[in-house]
Every structure is written in structure tokens, then in C-alpha cells.
Amino acid sequence: MSISLFFIIPTLLISFLAFQNRVLFDKLKFNAYFIVNSKEWYRAFSYGLVHANWVHLGINMFVLYSFGKAVEYAFYFYFDTKAIFYFIFLYISSLAFSVLPDINKFKNDPTYNAIGASGAVSAVLFSSILLFPKNKIYLMFFPIGIPSYIFGIVYMIYSYYMSKKQIDNIGHLTHFTGAVYGFIFPIILKPELFLIFIEQLIGRFYI
């Protein structure tokens, strides 16, 4: 069974319950002010269990499952018996890491809230880009596959630019930070993965 389902199933369940229960929704959502001032540190993780609507939830879980399988495969290849632990740690830790800039930025603003697993999903996506840089990514309404490393470059530029513009209610900075963390995390565990990444880009494949 895919390890990603370990996160997908409870996220689907809790998101569904939160759609029906505003008290639960408000209790789980990210709020830097409450994290810092009321010591509700669990919010740095629980926000990934609630979503704005079914579309938001569906996209995040689809991306997680699609790219999570590739990361799981590579982790089993490189880390053997530690693969499950490392994948679980990647996902859970990326939830907190991806909102660190927002905790600092909004710690004195009780009105700022955020929801959704996008930061952790971005981390899984970018772990897959590190491990399989030439795999193709297909976007809706765009039938031509994009090499994942090119998609990653565009994604990072777009996320950083939009985080500076702040013209919508999407957590672009969380996406950006999660992506950076997801790319670096496997390298911390096994530094030679960066060399393998470079060698794959120039034509040598290990997986």
C-alpha cells in the first residue's frame, strides 16, 4: 500500500468533517498569532488536514498521491528499511517547515489564517523532482509533458514572485518554502543524491 495513503485518508476524513463543523475548522487552521502567543503549536501541523473546498482538497491529494508514489519508490531504493520513516518524517516536518516564514511574518496578526496541505505537497513534489528530474509532468489542458526540473524552475520563480506581489489568497510563500525543503531533505539524508541529480540532467540515470 502506498505510504501516501497514510496521509491522504485522514486528510480526506478530517477535511470532510471540517466542512460540516466550523468550530473544528477554526481550531485546526494555521494562525501564527495563536501559535506564538497562545502556544497552540499543533496548528503548525493541523492546518494541513483542513481545506477550503473539495477542489482544493482534491488537487492536493491527487498531487500527493501521484508524486508520492515516485518518492516512495526512490526512498525504498536508497534507504531500504528506513524508507517509510523518512517519507513520513518528510511529510510531517514539511508542514511545519513550510510555514516558518509565515509564523515570523504574521505572529502579531490574529486575523491571518491559512489552510491546506500545499506546503507539504510541494515538498513531496520537489523531492520527486530531485530524484527524477527528467520525468514528465503533465498539466491540465496542456498535452505536452514538461520535464520536471523545468517545471520546478518555473514553479519556484512563480511562487516567489507571487509571494512578493500578494495579490491573491494563495500561500505562495508556503509553496516556495515547502518546495525548497522537499528538494533539500533527501540530500541531507544522502548527500550524493545531489550528484546523482546532476548526472541525470546530463544523461546518466540511476533509477
Protein backbone atom coordinates (compact mmCIF):
# COMPACT_ATOMS: atom_id res chain seq x y z
CA MET A 1 0.00 0.00 0.00
CA SER A 2 1.25 3.49 -0.81
CA ILE A 3 2.59 5.36 2.22
CA SER A 4 0.91 8.48 0.85
CA LEU A 5 -2.46 6.97 1.75
CA PHE A 6 -1.36 7.19 5.39
CA PHE A 7 -1.80 10.95 4.98
CA ILE A 8 -4.46 11.08 2.27
CA ILE A 9 -7.12 9.08 4.11
CA PRO A 10 -7.10 11.08 7.38
CA THR A 11 -6.84 14.35 5.44
CA LEU A 12 -9.92 13.45 3.40
CA LEU A 13 -11.81 12.46 6.53
CA ILE A 14 -10.89 15.46 8.67
CA SER A 15 -11.37 17.92 5.81
CA PHE A 16 -14.84 16.49 5.25
CA LEU A 17 -15.69 16.81 8.95
CA ALA A 18 -14.35 20.37 9.00
CA PHE A 19 -16.57 21.25 6.02
CA GLN A 20 -19.51 20.47 8.28
CA ASN A 21 -18.10 21.82 11.55
CA ARG A 22 -16.84 25.41 11.65
CA VAL A 23 -15.57 25.05 15.22
CA LEU A 24 -13.32 22.16 14.18
CA PHE A 25 -12.20 24.09 11.09
CA ASP A 26 -11.23 27.14 13.16
CA LYS A 27 -9.45 25.00 15.74
CA LEU A 28 -7.22 23.31 13.17
CA LYS A 29 -6.36 26.15 10.78
CA PHE A 30 -2.98 27.87 10.76
CA ASN A 31 -2.81 31.07 12.76
CA ALA A 32 0.64 32.40 13.64
CA TYR A 33 -0.71 34.66 16.39
CA PHE A 34 -2.24 31.73 18.26
CA ILE A 35 0.85 29.59 17.64
CA VAL A 36 3.19 32.14 19.19
CA ASN A 37 1.01 33.86 21.77
CA SER A 38 -1.29 31.04 22.87
CA LYS A 39 1.31 28.27 22.37
CA GLU A 40 -1.01 26.33 20.06
CA TRP A 41 1.92 24.74 18.25
CA TYR A 42 -0.21 21.93 16.88
CA ARG A 43 -1.59 24.44 14.35
CA ALA A 44 1.77 24.31 12.54
CA PHE A 45 0.77 20.76 11.54
CA SER A 46 -3.03 20.52 11.79
CA TYR A 47 -3.67 23.17 9.13
CA GLY A 48 -2.68 20.58 6.53
CA LEU A 49 -5.70 18.49 7.47
CA VAL A 50 -8.30 21.11 6.51
CA HIS A 51 -9.08 22.66 3.12
CA ALA A 52 -11.21 25.40 1.64
CA ASN A 53 -13.39 23.15 -0.53
CA TRP A 54 -13.47 19.87 -2.43
CA VAL A 55 -11.46 21.24 -5.34
CA HIS A 56 -8.69 22.47 -3.05
CA LEU A 57 -8.68 19.13 -1.24
CA GLY A 58 -8.87 17.04 -4.41
CA ILE A 59 -5.98 18.78 -6.16
CA ASN A 60 -3.69 18.49 -3.14
CA MET A 61 -4.45 14.82 -2.57
CA PHE A 62 -4.15 13.95 -6.26
CA VAL A 63 -0.72 15.60 -6.50
CA LEU A 64 0.39 13.98 -3.25
CA TYR A 65 -0.61 10.51 -4.45
CA SER A 66 0.82 10.98 -7.94
CA PHE A 67 4.26 12.19 -6.88
CA GLY A 68 4.32 10.46 -3.52
CA LYS A 69 4.50 7.08 -5.26
CA ALA A 70 7.66 8.12 -7.10
CA VAL A 71 9.29 9.42 -3.92
CA GLU A 72 8.35 6.26 -2.05
CA TYR A 73 9.91 4.13 -4.79
CA ALA A 74 13.16 6.11 -4.68
CA PHE A 75 13.26 6.09 -0.87
CA TYR A 76 12.93 2.31 -0.85
CA PHE A 77 15.76 2.14 -3.37
CA TYR A 78 18.11 4.45 -1.47
CA PHE A 79 17.10 3.99 2.17
CA ASP A 80 15.74 0.44 2.32
CA THR A 81 14.20 -0.27 5.74
CA LYS A 82 14.24 3.42 6.72
CA ALA A 83 12.19 4.47 3.68
CA ILE A 84 8.81 4.52 5.42
CA PHE A 85 10.11 6.50 8.38
CA TYR A 86 11.88 9.02 6.14
CA PHE A 87 8.83 9.55 3.95
CA ILE A 88 6.56 10.06 6.96
CA PHE A 89 9.09 12.45 8.50
CA LEU A 90 9.42 14.36 5.22
CA TYR A 91 5.69 14.99 5.01
CA ILE A 92 5.07 15.86 8.66
CA SER A 93 8.15 18.04 9.09
CA SER A 94 7.49 19.88 5.82
CA LEU A 95 4.11 21.02 7.16
CA ALA A 96 5.86 22.93 9.94
CA PHE A 97 8.93 23.99 7.95
CA SER A 98 6.91 25.47 5.10
CA VAL A 99 5.07 27.88 7.42
CA LEU A 100 8.10 29.08 9.39
CA PRO A 101 8.34 32.33 7.38
CA ASP A 102 4.62 32.95 7.91
CA ILE A 103 4.92 32.32 11.65
CA ASN A 104 7.54 35.03 11.84
CA LYS A 105 5.70 37.35 9.47
CA PHE A 106 2.22 37.10 10.97
CA LYS A 107 2.94 36.36 14.65
CA ASN A 108 1.36 39.68 15.64
CA ASP A 109 -1.60 39.46 13.27
CA PRO A 110 -4.53 37.47 14.72
CA THR A 111 -6.54 37.91 11.51
CA TYR A 112 -4.17 35.92 9.24
CA ASN A 113 -5.21 32.30 8.72
CA ALA A 114 -4.14 29.58 6.29
CA ILE A 115 -5.29 26.06 5.44
CA GLY A 116 -4.34 23.21 3.16
CA ALA A 117 -1.58 20.66 2.68
CA SER A 118 0.05 22.54 -0.20
CA GLY A 119 3.32 23.19 1.62
CA ALA A 120 3.85 19.51 2.35
CA VAL A 121 2.62 18.52 -1.11
CA SER A 122 5.14 20.93 -2.63
CA ALA A 123 7.83 19.24 -0.56
CA VAL A 124 6.90 15.81 -1.90
CA LEU A 125 6.70 17.18 -5.44
CA PHE A 126 10.19 18.68 -5.22
CA SER A 127 11.65 15.55 -3.67
CA SER A 128 10.41 13.77 -6.78
CA ILE A 129 11.99 16.46 -8.98
CA LEU A 130 15.34 15.91 -7.25
CA LEU A 131 15.08 12.14 -7.60
CA PHE A 132 13.60 12.06 -11.13
CA PRO A 133 14.49 15.40 -12.77
CA LYS A 134 13.66 14.27 -16.29
CA ASN A 135 10.30 12.69 -15.58
CA LYS A 136 7.49 14.42 -17.46
CA ILE A 137 4.82 16.46 -15.70
CA TYR A 138 1.51 16.92 -17.50
CA LEU A 139 -0.67 19.91 -16.70
CA MET A 140 -4.41 20.16 -17.26
CA PHE A 141 -5.28 21.50 -20.73
CA PHE A 142 -1.60 21.26 -21.73
CA PRO A 143 -0.99 17.93 -23.51
CA ILE A 144 2.81 18.20 -23.79
CA GLY A 145 4.84 16.74 -20.93
CA ILE A 146 7.22 19.16 -19.22
CA PRO A 147 10.50 17.81 -17.79
CA SER A 148 10.11 18.02 -14.05
CA TYR A 149 13.25 20.10 -13.49
CA ILE A 150 11.94 22.76 -15.90
CA PHE A 151 8.56 22.71 -14.21
CA GLY A 152 10.37 23.10 -10.88
CA ILE A 153 12.27 26.17 -12.02
CA VAL A 154 9.11 27.84 -13.33
CA TYR A 155 7.18 26.88 -10.18
CA MET A 156 9.81 28.41 -7.91
CA ILE A 157 10.04 31.65 -9.87
CA TYR A 158 6.26 31.97 -10.00
CA SER A 159 5.80 31.18 -6.29
CA TYR A 160 8.48 33.64 -5.22
CA TYR A 161 7.14 36.38 -7.49
CA MET A 162 3.55 35.89 -6.33
CA SER A 163 4.60 35.81 -2.69
CA LYS A 164 6.03 39.29 -3.15
CA LYS A 165 3.00 40.62 -5.04
CA GLN A 166 0.44 39.32 -2.52
CA ILE A 167 -2.46 39.83 -4.89
CA ASP A 168 -4.45 36.68 -4.05
CA ASN A 169 -5.25 34.46 -1.07
CA ILE A 170 -2.93 31.60 -2.06
CA GLY A 171 0.01 30.78 0.23
CA HIS A 172 2.73 31.16 -2.39
CA LEU A 173 5.45 31.62 0.22
CA THR A 174 4.40 28.35 1.85
CA HIS A 175 4.61 26.64 -1.55
CA PHE A 176 8.07 28.10 -2.14
CA THR A 177 9.42 27.17 1.30
CA GLY A 178 7.94 23.68 1.15
CA ALA A 179 9.49 23.14 -2.28
CA VAL A 180 12.95 24.18 -1.06
CA TYR A 181 12.65 21.87 1.93
CA GLY A 182 11.48 18.94 -0.18
CA PHE A 183 14.41 19.33 -2.55
CA ILE A 184 16.99 19.57 0.23
CA PHE A 185 15.60 16.91 2.59
CA PRO A 186 16.78 13.81 0.64
CA ILE A 187 20.18 15.46 0.09
CA ILE A 188 20.58 15.90 3.85
CA LEU A 189 19.89 12.19 4.28
CA LYS A 190 22.17 11.16 1.41
CA PRO A 191 24.39 13.97 0.04
CA GLU A 192 25.39 12.04 -3.06
CA LEU A 193 21.82 12.38 -4.31
CA PHE A 194 22.70 15.87 -5.50
CA LEU A 195 25.46 14.46 -7.70
CA ILE A 196 23.05 11.83 -8.99
CA PHE A 197 20.57 14.61 -9.75
CA ILE A 198 23.21 16.46 -11.80
CA GLU A 199 24.26 13.27 -13.59
CA GLN A 200 20.64 12.53 -14.51
CA LEU A 201 20.35 16.01 -16.01
CA ILE A 202 23.36 15.39 -18.24
CA GLY A 203 22.17 11.99 -19.33
CA ARG A 204 23.12 9.34 -16.81
CA PHE A 205 20.30 7.55 -15.00
CA TYR A 206 20.45 5.57 -11.79
CA ILE A 207 16.80 4.64 -11.38
